[in-house]
C-alpha cells in the first residue's frame, strides 16, 4: 500500500488557480493513478487540518504493509514542524510533492520544513509529480 496525503486547499484542484494548478481535479487524477497502478493499493486522504495529517502519517508510517507515503502538505510545508516531526518519526519512506515549482514562486513558498524530513521532493511537474513519487516508492522494494 502507498498512502497519498494532500493538505489544505488541494481539494480545490481543477477550480483553484488553474493557471498554476491546472484544470484536473485530484479525484479524477486519483482514478487515473489507480488505473495505472492497478496492482497496487493507493490509499488517499485529503485534510485541511494539520492534526489529521499528522495522524495519517503516523498510522501509515508504522503500517508494515505501507511501502511509503506521498505527501503534498500544501501551505503546511512552509511552517508545520508537527508534520515534519511526524515524517521524521516513521520508518516508511516519504516523498513530498508540489504541483507548482515552489522555487519559482513567492519567497515564503520557497522553503519547505517538511521536505527536510522527506526522502525526496518532486516539484513543478504538475500532477505527474505524484506518479513519479509512486514509481520511486515502488522501486524501493
N, C-alpha and C. Protein backbone atom coordinates (compact mmCIF):
# COMPACT_ATOMS: atom_id res chain seq x y z
N UNK A 1 0.84 -1.18 0.00
CA UNK A 1 0.00 0.00 0.00
C UNK A 1 0.88 1.24 0.00
N UNK A 2 0.47 2.22 -0.78
CA UNK A 2 1.09 3.54 -0.77
C UNK A 2 0.02 4.53 -0.35
N UNK A 3 0.35 5.34 0.62
CA UNK A 3 -0.58 6.34 1.15
C UNK A 3 -0.29 7.68 0.49
N UNK A 4 -1.32 8.30 -0.06
CA UNK A 4 -1.22 9.65 -0.61
C UNK A 4 -1.96 10.58 0.34
N UNK A 5 -1.28 11.62 0.77
CA UNK A 5 -1.87 12.58 1.70
C UNK A 5 -1.77 13.97 1.10
N UNK A 6 -2.90 14.63 0.97
CA UNK A 6 -2.94 16.00 0.47
C UNK A 6 -3.42 16.93 1.58
N UNK A 7 -2.78 18.07 1.67
CA UNK A 7 -3.11 19.06 2.69
C UNK A 7 -4.06 20.14 2.19
N UNK A 8 -4.04 21.27 2.87
CA UNK A 8 -5.03 22.34 2.68
C UNK A 8 -5.20 22.79 1.23
N UNK A 9 -6.45 22.94 0.87
CA UNK A 9 -6.90 23.51 -0.39
C UNK A 9 -6.67 22.63 -1.61
N UNK A 10 -6.05 21.48 -1.43
CA UNK A 10 -5.83 20.61 -2.59
C UNK A 10 -7.11 19.92 -3.04
N UNK A 11 -8.13 19.98 -2.21
CA UNK A 11 -9.46 19.51 -2.63
C UNK A 11 -10.06 20.43 -3.68
N UNK A 12 -9.48 21.59 -3.88
CA UNK A 12 -9.98 22.56 -4.85
C UNK A 12 -9.29 22.47 -6.20
N UNK A 13 -8.41 21.49 -6.38
CA UNK A 13 -7.72 21.35 -7.66
C UNK A 13 -8.75 21.23 -8.78
N UNK A 14 -8.44 21.86 -9.88
CA UNK A 14 -9.36 21.91 -11.01
C UNK A 14 -10.21 23.16 -11.01
N UNK A 15 -10.36 23.77 -9.83
CA UNK A 15 -11.14 25.01 -9.70
C UNK A 15 -10.28 26.15 -9.17
N UNK A 16 -9.25 25.81 -8.43
CA UNK A 16 -8.40 26.80 -7.76
C UNK A 16 -7.23 27.21 -8.66
N UNK A 17 -7.13 28.46 -8.96
CA UNK A 17 -6.00 28.99 -9.71
C UNK A 17 -5.50 28.04 -10.81
N UNK A 18 -6.35 27.77 -11.80
CA UNK A 18 -5.98 26.78 -12.82
C UNK A 18 -4.72 27.14 -13.60
N UNK A 19 -4.37 28.42 -13.64
CA UNK A 19 -3.14 28.81 -14.33
C UNK A 19 -1.89 28.30 -13.60
N UNK A 20 -2.03 28.00 -12.31
CA UNK A 20 -0.92 27.45 -11.52
C UNK A 20 -1.08 25.95 -11.34
N UNK A 21 -2.31 25.50 -11.00
CA UNK A 21 -2.52 24.12 -10.58
C UNK A 21 -3.22 23.25 -11.62
N UNK A 22 -3.60 23.81 -12.76
CA UNK A 22 -4.24 23.02 -13.80
C UNK A 22 -5.74 22.93 -13.62
N UNK A 23 -6.37 22.20 -14.51
CA UNK A 23 -7.83 22.13 -14.55
C UNK A 23 -8.39 20.76 -14.14
N UNK A 24 -7.52 19.82 -13.83
CA UNK A 24 -8.00 18.48 -13.45
C UNK A 24 -8.15 18.39 -11.94
N UNK A 25 -9.26 17.82 -11.49
CA UNK A 25 -9.44 17.62 -10.05
C UNK A 25 -8.54 16.48 -9.59
N UNK A 26 -8.21 16.48 -8.30
CA UNK A 26 -7.38 15.39 -7.79
C UNK A 26 -8.17 14.09 -7.81
N UNK A 27 -9.46 14.14 -7.54
CA UNK A 27 -10.27 12.91 -7.57
C UNK A 27 -10.20 12.25 -8.94
N UNK A 28 -10.28 13.05 -10.01
CA UNK A 28 -10.17 12.49 -11.36
C UNK A 28 -8.78 11.92 -11.60
N UNK A 29 -7.75 12.65 -11.17
CA UNK A 29 -6.39 12.17 -11.35
C UNK A 29 -6.14 10.91 -10.52
N UNK A 30 -6.71 10.84 -9.34
CA UNK A 30 -6.55 9.65 -8.50
C UNK A 30 -7.10 8.41 -9.20
N UNK A 31 -8.21 8.57 -9.88
CA UNK A 31 -8.77 7.42 -10.62
C UNK A 31 -7.79 6.96 -11.70
N UNK A 32 -7.14 7.92 -12.37
CA UNK A 32 -6.13 7.56 -13.37
C UNK A 32 -4.96 6.84 -12.71
N UNK A 33 -4.49 7.35 -11.57
CA UNK A 33 -3.40 6.68 -10.86
C UNK A 33 -3.79 5.27 -10.46
N UNK A 34 -4.99 5.11 -9.94
CA UNK A 34 -5.44 3.77 -9.52
C UNK A 34 -5.53 2.82 -10.71
N UNK A 35 -5.90 3.33 -11.86
CA UNK A 35 -5.92 2.52 -13.07
C UNK A 35 -4.50 2.15 -13.49
N UNK A 36 -3.61 3.14 -13.50
CA UNK A 36 -2.23 2.92 -13.94
C UNK A 36 -1.44 2.05 -12.98
N UNK A 37 -1.78 2.07 -11.71
CA UNK A 37 -1.12 1.24 -10.70
C UNK A 37 -2.12 0.21 -10.16
N UNK A 38 -2.78 -0.47 -11.05
CA UNK A 38 -3.87 -1.38 -10.68
C UNK A 38 -3.40 -2.52 -9.77
N UNK A 39 -2.14 -2.87 -9.81
CA UNK A 39 -1.63 -3.94 -8.96
C UNK A 39 -1.25 -3.47 -7.56
N UNK A 40 -1.40 -2.19 -7.32
CA UNK A 40 -1.02 -1.61 -6.04
C UNK A 40 -2.24 -0.97 -5.37
N UNK A 41 -2.22 -0.96 -4.07
CA UNK A 41 -3.28 -0.27 -3.32
C UNK A 41 -2.81 1.15 -3.03
N UNK A 42 -3.58 2.11 -3.52
CA UNK A 42 -3.31 3.51 -3.25
C UNK A 42 -4.38 4.03 -2.32
N UNK A 43 -4.02 4.29 -1.08
CA UNK A 43 -4.94 4.89 -0.12
C UNK A 43 -4.78 6.40 -0.19
N UNK A 44 -5.88 7.11 0.02
CA UNK A 44 -5.85 8.56 -0.14
C UNK A 44 -6.55 9.25 1.02
N UNK A 45 -5.93 10.36 1.45
CA UNK A 45 -6.54 11.23 2.45
C UNK A 45 -6.30 12.67 2.04
N UNK A 46 -7.34 13.45 2.06
CA UNK A 46 -7.20 14.91 1.98
C UNK A 46 -7.69 15.47 3.30
N UNK A 47 -6.95 16.44 3.84
CA UNK A 47 -7.42 17.14 5.02
C UNK A 47 -6.89 18.57 5.02
N UNK A 48 -7.74 19.46 5.46
CA UNK A 48 -7.33 20.85 5.68
C UNK A 48 -6.80 21.04 7.10
N UNK A 49 -6.79 19.96 7.90
CA UNK A 49 -6.45 20.04 9.32
C UNK A 49 -5.10 19.38 9.60
N UNK A 50 -4.21 20.14 10.19
CA UNK A 50 -2.86 19.66 10.47
C UNK A 50 -2.84 18.38 11.31
N UNK A 51 -3.65 18.32 12.35
CA UNK A 51 -3.66 17.14 13.21
C UNK A 51 -4.09 15.88 12.48
N UNK A 52 -5.05 16.01 11.57
CA UNK A 52 -5.48 14.85 10.78
C UNK A 52 -4.34 14.33 9.90
N UNK A 53 -3.56 15.25 9.38
CA UNK A 53 -2.42 14.87 8.54
C UNK A 53 -1.36 14.16 9.37
N UNK A 54 -1.07 14.69 10.55
CA UNK A 54 -0.11 14.04 11.46
C UNK A 54 -0.60 12.64 11.82
N UNK A 55 -1.87 12.51 12.16
CA UNK A 55 -2.42 11.18 12.49
C UNK A 55 -2.28 10.21 11.33
N UNK A 56 -2.54 10.67 10.11
CA UNK A 56 -2.45 9.81 8.93
C UNK A 56 -1.01 9.38 8.66
N UNK A 57 -0.07 10.30 8.85
CA UNK A 57 1.35 9.96 8.68
C UNK A 57 1.76 8.90 9.69
N UNK A 58 1.38 9.09 10.94
CA UNK A 58 1.74 8.13 11.99
C UNK A 58 1.13 6.76 11.72
N UNK A 59 -0.14 6.75 11.35
CA UNK A 59 -0.82 5.48 11.12
C UNK A 59 -0.20 4.73 9.94
N UNK A 60 -0.05 5.40 8.81
CA UNK A 60 0.51 4.75 7.62
C UNK A 60 1.99 4.44 7.82
N UNK A 61 2.70 5.34 8.46
CA UNK A 61 4.14 5.22 8.58
C UNK A 61 4.61 4.04 9.39
N UNK A 62 3.76 3.52 10.27
CA UNK A 62 4.11 2.34 11.07
C UNK A 62 3.36 1.09 10.60
N UNK A 63 2.57 1.22 9.55
CA UNK A 63 1.85 0.08 8.99
C UNK A 63 2.84 -0.78 8.19
N UNK A 64 3.03 -2.05 8.57
CA UNK A 64 4.00 -2.87 7.86
C UNK A 64 3.65 -3.09 6.38
N UNK A 65 2.41 -2.87 6.02
CA UNK A 65 2.00 -3.02 4.62
C UNK A 65 2.22 -1.75 3.80
N UNK A 66 2.66 -0.68 4.44
CA UNK A 66 2.83 0.60 3.74
C UNK A 66 4.23 0.66 3.12
N UNK A 67 4.28 0.78 1.80
CA UNK A 67 5.55 0.91 1.09
C UNK A 67 6.10 2.33 1.20
N UNK A 68 5.23 3.27 1.46
CA UNK A 68 5.68 4.64 1.59
C UNK A 68 4.52 5.62 1.51
N UNK A 69 4.86 6.88 1.69
CA UNK A 69 3.87 7.95 1.70
C UNK A 69 4.25 8.99 0.67
N UNK A 70 3.27 9.41 -0.09
CA UNK A 70 3.39 10.56 -0.99
C UNK A 70 2.59 11.67 -0.34
N UNK A 71 3.25 12.79 -0.04
CA UNK A 71 2.56 13.85 0.66
C UNK A 71 2.73 15.19 -0.04
N UNK A 72 1.63 15.89 -0.16
CA UNK A 72 1.64 17.29 -0.57
C UNK A 72 1.04 18.05 0.60
N UNK A 73 1.87 18.59 1.48
CA UNK A 73 1.35 19.26 2.66
C UNK A 73 0.72 20.62 2.37
N UNK A 74 0.75 21.07 1.10
CA UNK A 74 0.22 22.38 0.78
C UNK A 74 0.96 23.44 1.59
N UNK A 75 0.24 24.43 2.05
CA UNK A 75 0.84 25.53 2.80
C UNK A 75 1.54 25.06 4.08
N UNK A 76 1.12 23.92 4.63
CA UNK A 76 1.78 23.42 5.84
C UNK A 76 3.26 23.11 5.60
N UNK A 77 3.63 22.86 4.35
CA UNK A 77 5.03 22.53 4.08
C UNK A 77 5.97 23.66 4.50
N UNK A 78 5.45 24.87 4.52
CA UNK A 78 6.31 26.03 4.80
C UNK A 78 6.51 26.30 6.28
N UNK A 79 5.68 25.69 7.14
CA UNK A 79 5.83 26.03 8.57
C UNK A 79 5.41 24.95 9.56
N UNK A 80 4.99 23.78 9.11
CA UNK A 80 4.49 22.78 10.06
C UNK A 80 5.61 21.89 10.60
N UNK A 81 6.10 22.27 11.75
CA UNK A 81 7.09 21.43 12.44
C UNK A 81 6.42 20.12 12.87
N UNK A 82 5.13 20.16 13.19
CA UNK A 82 4.42 18.95 13.60
C UNK A 82 4.41 17.91 12.48
N UNK A 83 4.14 18.34 11.26
CA UNK A 83 4.15 17.39 10.13
C UNK A 83 5.58 16.94 9.84
N UNK A 84 6.54 17.84 9.90
CA UNK A 84 7.94 17.46 9.71
C UNK A 84 8.38 16.43 10.74
N UNK A 85 8.01 16.65 12.00
CA UNK A 85 8.36 15.70 13.06
C UNK A 85 7.70 14.36 12.85
N UNK A 86 6.47 14.34 12.36
CA UNK A 86 5.77 13.07 12.09
C UNK A 86 6.48 12.30 10.98
N UNK A 87 6.90 13.01 9.94
CA UNK A 87 7.64 12.35 8.85
C UNK A 87 8.95 11.78 9.37
N UNK A 88 9.64 12.53 10.21
CA UNK A 88 10.92 12.08 10.76
C UNK A 88 10.75 10.87 11.68
N UNK A 89 9.59 10.75 12.32
CA UNK A 89 9.38 9.71 13.34
C UNK A 89 9.05 8.34 12.77
N UNK A 90 8.69 8.27 11.50
CA UNK A 90 8.20 7.00 10.95
C UNK A 90 9.27 6.29 10.13
N UNK A 91 9.16 4.96 10.06
CA UNK A 91 10.11 4.22 9.22
C UNK A 91 9.77 4.22 7.73
N UNK A 92 8.53 4.45 7.37
CA UNK A 92 8.14 4.43 5.96
C UNK A 92 8.76 5.61 5.22
N UNK A 93 9.31 5.38 4.03
CA UNK A 93 9.86 6.49 3.25
C UNK A 93 8.75 7.43 2.78
N UNK A 94 9.07 8.70 2.73
CA UNK A 94 8.10 9.72 2.34
C UNK A 94 8.68 10.57 1.22
N UNK A 95 7.84 10.83 0.22
CA UNK A 95 8.22 11.73 -0.87
C UNK A 95 7.24 12.89 -0.86
N UNK A 96 7.79 14.09 -0.84
CA UNK A 96 6.96 15.30 -0.86
C UNK A 96 6.75 15.73 -2.31
N UNK A 97 5.52 16.11 -2.62
CA UNK A 97 5.16 16.55 -3.97
C UNK A 97 4.58 17.96 -3.90
N UNK A 98 5.00 18.79 -4.84
CA UNK A 98 4.39 20.10 -5.04
C UNK A 98 4.04 20.21 -6.51
N UNK A 99 2.81 20.57 -6.79
CA UNK A 99 2.34 20.67 -8.16
C UNK A 99 3.05 21.80 -8.89
N UNK A 100 3.18 22.93 -8.23
CA UNK A 100 3.89 24.07 -8.83
C UNK A 100 5.36 24.02 -8.43
N UNK A 101 6.17 24.78 -9.13
CA UNK A 101 7.57 24.90 -8.77
C UNK A 101 7.67 25.94 -7.65
N UNK A 102 7.74 25.47 -6.42
CA UNK A 102 7.74 26.38 -5.28
C UNK A 102 8.95 27.31 -5.28
N UNK A 103 10.01 26.92 -5.97
CA UNK A 103 11.21 27.74 -6.01
C UNK A 103 11.10 28.91 -6.99
N UNK A 104 10.06 28.89 -7.80
CA UNK A 104 9.84 29.98 -8.76
C UNK A 104 8.65 30.85 -8.35
N UNK A 105 8.21 30.67 -7.13
CA UNK A 105 7.04 31.42 -6.64
C UNK A 105 7.45 32.42 -5.58
N UNK A 106 6.49 32.87 -4.80
CA UNK A 106 6.76 33.88 -3.77
C UNK A 106 7.83 33.37 -2.80
N UNK A 107 8.56 34.31 -2.24
CA UNK A 107 9.66 33.98 -1.33
C UNK A 107 9.22 33.04 -0.21
N UNK A 108 8.08 33.31 0.40
CA UNK A 108 7.64 32.49 1.53
C UNK A 108 7.31 31.05 1.13
N UNK A 109 7.11 30.79 -0.15
CA UNK A 109 6.82 29.42 -0.61
C UNK A 109 8.08 28.62 -0.94
N UNK A 110 9.22 29.25 -0.91
CA UNK A 110 10.45 28.60 -1.37
C UNK A 110 11.10 27.71 -0.34
N UNK A 111 10.67 27.79 0.90
CA UNK A 111 11.21 26.95 1.96
C UNK A 111 10.17 25.93 2.37
N UNK A 112 10.61 24.68 2.50
CA UNK A 112 9.73 23.62 2.98
C UNK A 112 10.40 22.93 4.16
N UNK A 113 9.84 23.15 5.36
CA UNK A 113 10.39 22.49 6.55
C UNK A 113 10.08 21.00 6.55
N UNK A 114 9.00 20.62 5.87
CA UNK A 114 8.65 19.20 5.80
C UNK A 114 9.56 18.44 4.84
N UNK A 115 10.02 19.12 3.78
CA UNK A 115 10.90 18.47 2.80
C UNK A 115 12.22 18.03 3.42
N UNK A 116 12.64 18.73 4.46
CA UNK A 116 13.89 18.38 5.12
C UNK A 116 13.84 16.96 5.71
N UNK A 117 12.65 16.46 5.97
CA UNK A 117 12.49 15.14 6.58
C UNK A 117 12.09 14.08 5.56
N UNK A 118 11.75 14.48 4.35
CA UNK A 118 11.32 13.54 3.32
C UNK A 118 12.52 12.89 2.64
N UNK A 119 12.28 11.72 2.07
CA UNK A 119 13.33 11.02 1.32
C UNK A 119 13.68 11.80 0.06
N UNK A 120 12.65 12.42 -0.55
CA UNK A 120 12.87 13.19 -1.77
C UNK A 120 11.72 14.15 -2.00
N UNK A 121 11.90 15.02 -2.99
CA UNK A 121 10.90 16.03 -3.32
C UNK A 121 10.75 16.10 -4.84
N UNK A 122 9.49 16.17 -5.28
CA UNK A 122 9.18 16.41 -6.68
C UNK A 122 8.38 17.71 -6.72
N UNK A 123 8.87 18.69 -7.48
CA UNK A 123 8.17 19.98 -7.53
C UNK A 123 8.14 20.51 -8.97
N UNK A 124 7.00 21.10 -9.30
CA UNK A 124 6.89 21.80 -10.56
C UNK A 124 6.49 20.98 -11.76
N UNK A 125 6.13 19.72 -11.56
CA UNK A 125 5.78 18.85 -12.68
C UNK A 125 4.28 18.57 -12.74
N UNK A 126 3.51 19.42 -12.10
CA UNK A 126 2.06 19.23 -12.10
C UNK A 126 1.68 17.96 -11.36
N UNK A 127 0.53 17.43 -11.70
CA UNK A 127 0.05 16.21 -11.04
C UNK A 127 0.95 15.02 -11.33
N UNK A 128 1.71 15.08 -12.41
CA UNK A 128 2.61 13.97 -12.75
C UNK A 128 3.64 13.72 -11.65
N UNK A 129 3.88 14.71 -10.80
CA UNK A 129 4.79 14.51 -9.68
C UNK A 129 4.34 13.38 -8.77
N UNK A 130 3.03 13.21 -8.62
CA UNK A 130 2.51 12.11 -7.80
C UNK A 130 2.89 10.76 -8.42
N UNK A 131 2.75 10.65 -9.73
CA UNK A 131 3.09 9.40 -10.42
C UNK A 131 4.57 9.08 -10.23
N UNK A 132 5.42 10.09 -10.37
CA UNK A 132 6.85 9.88 -10.21
C UNK A 132 7.19 9.46 -8.78
N UNK A 133 6.53 10.06 -7.82
CA UNK A 133 6.76 9.70 -6.41
C UNK A 133 6.34 8.26 -6.15
N UNK A 134 5.21 7.85 -6.70
CA UNK A 134 4.76 6.46 -6.53
C UNK A 134 5.75 5.50 -7.18
N UNK A 135 6.18 5.82 -8.39
CA UNK A 135 7.16 4.96 -9.07
C UNK A 135 8.43 4.82 -8.25
N UNK A 136 8.88 5.91 -7.68
CA UNK A 136 10.08 5.85 -6.84
C UNK A 136 9.86 4.94 -5.64
N UNK A 137 8.75 5.13 -4.93
CA UNK A 137 8.48 4.30 -3.75
C UNK A 137 8.39 2.82 -4.13
N UNK A 138 7.78 2.53 -5.25
CA UNK A 138 7.70 1.14 -5.71
C UNK A 138 9.08 0.56 -6.01
N UNK A 139 10.00 1.40 -6.45
CA UNK A 139 11.34 0.93 -6.78
C UNK A 139 12.16 0.54 -5.55
N UNK A 140 11.70 0.94 -4.37
CA UNK A 140 12.44 0.67 -3.13
C UNK A 140 12.22 -0.74 -2.60
N UNK A 141 11.33 -1.50 -3.20
CA UNK A 141 11.02 -2.86 -2.70
C UNK A 141 12.25 -3.68 -2.44
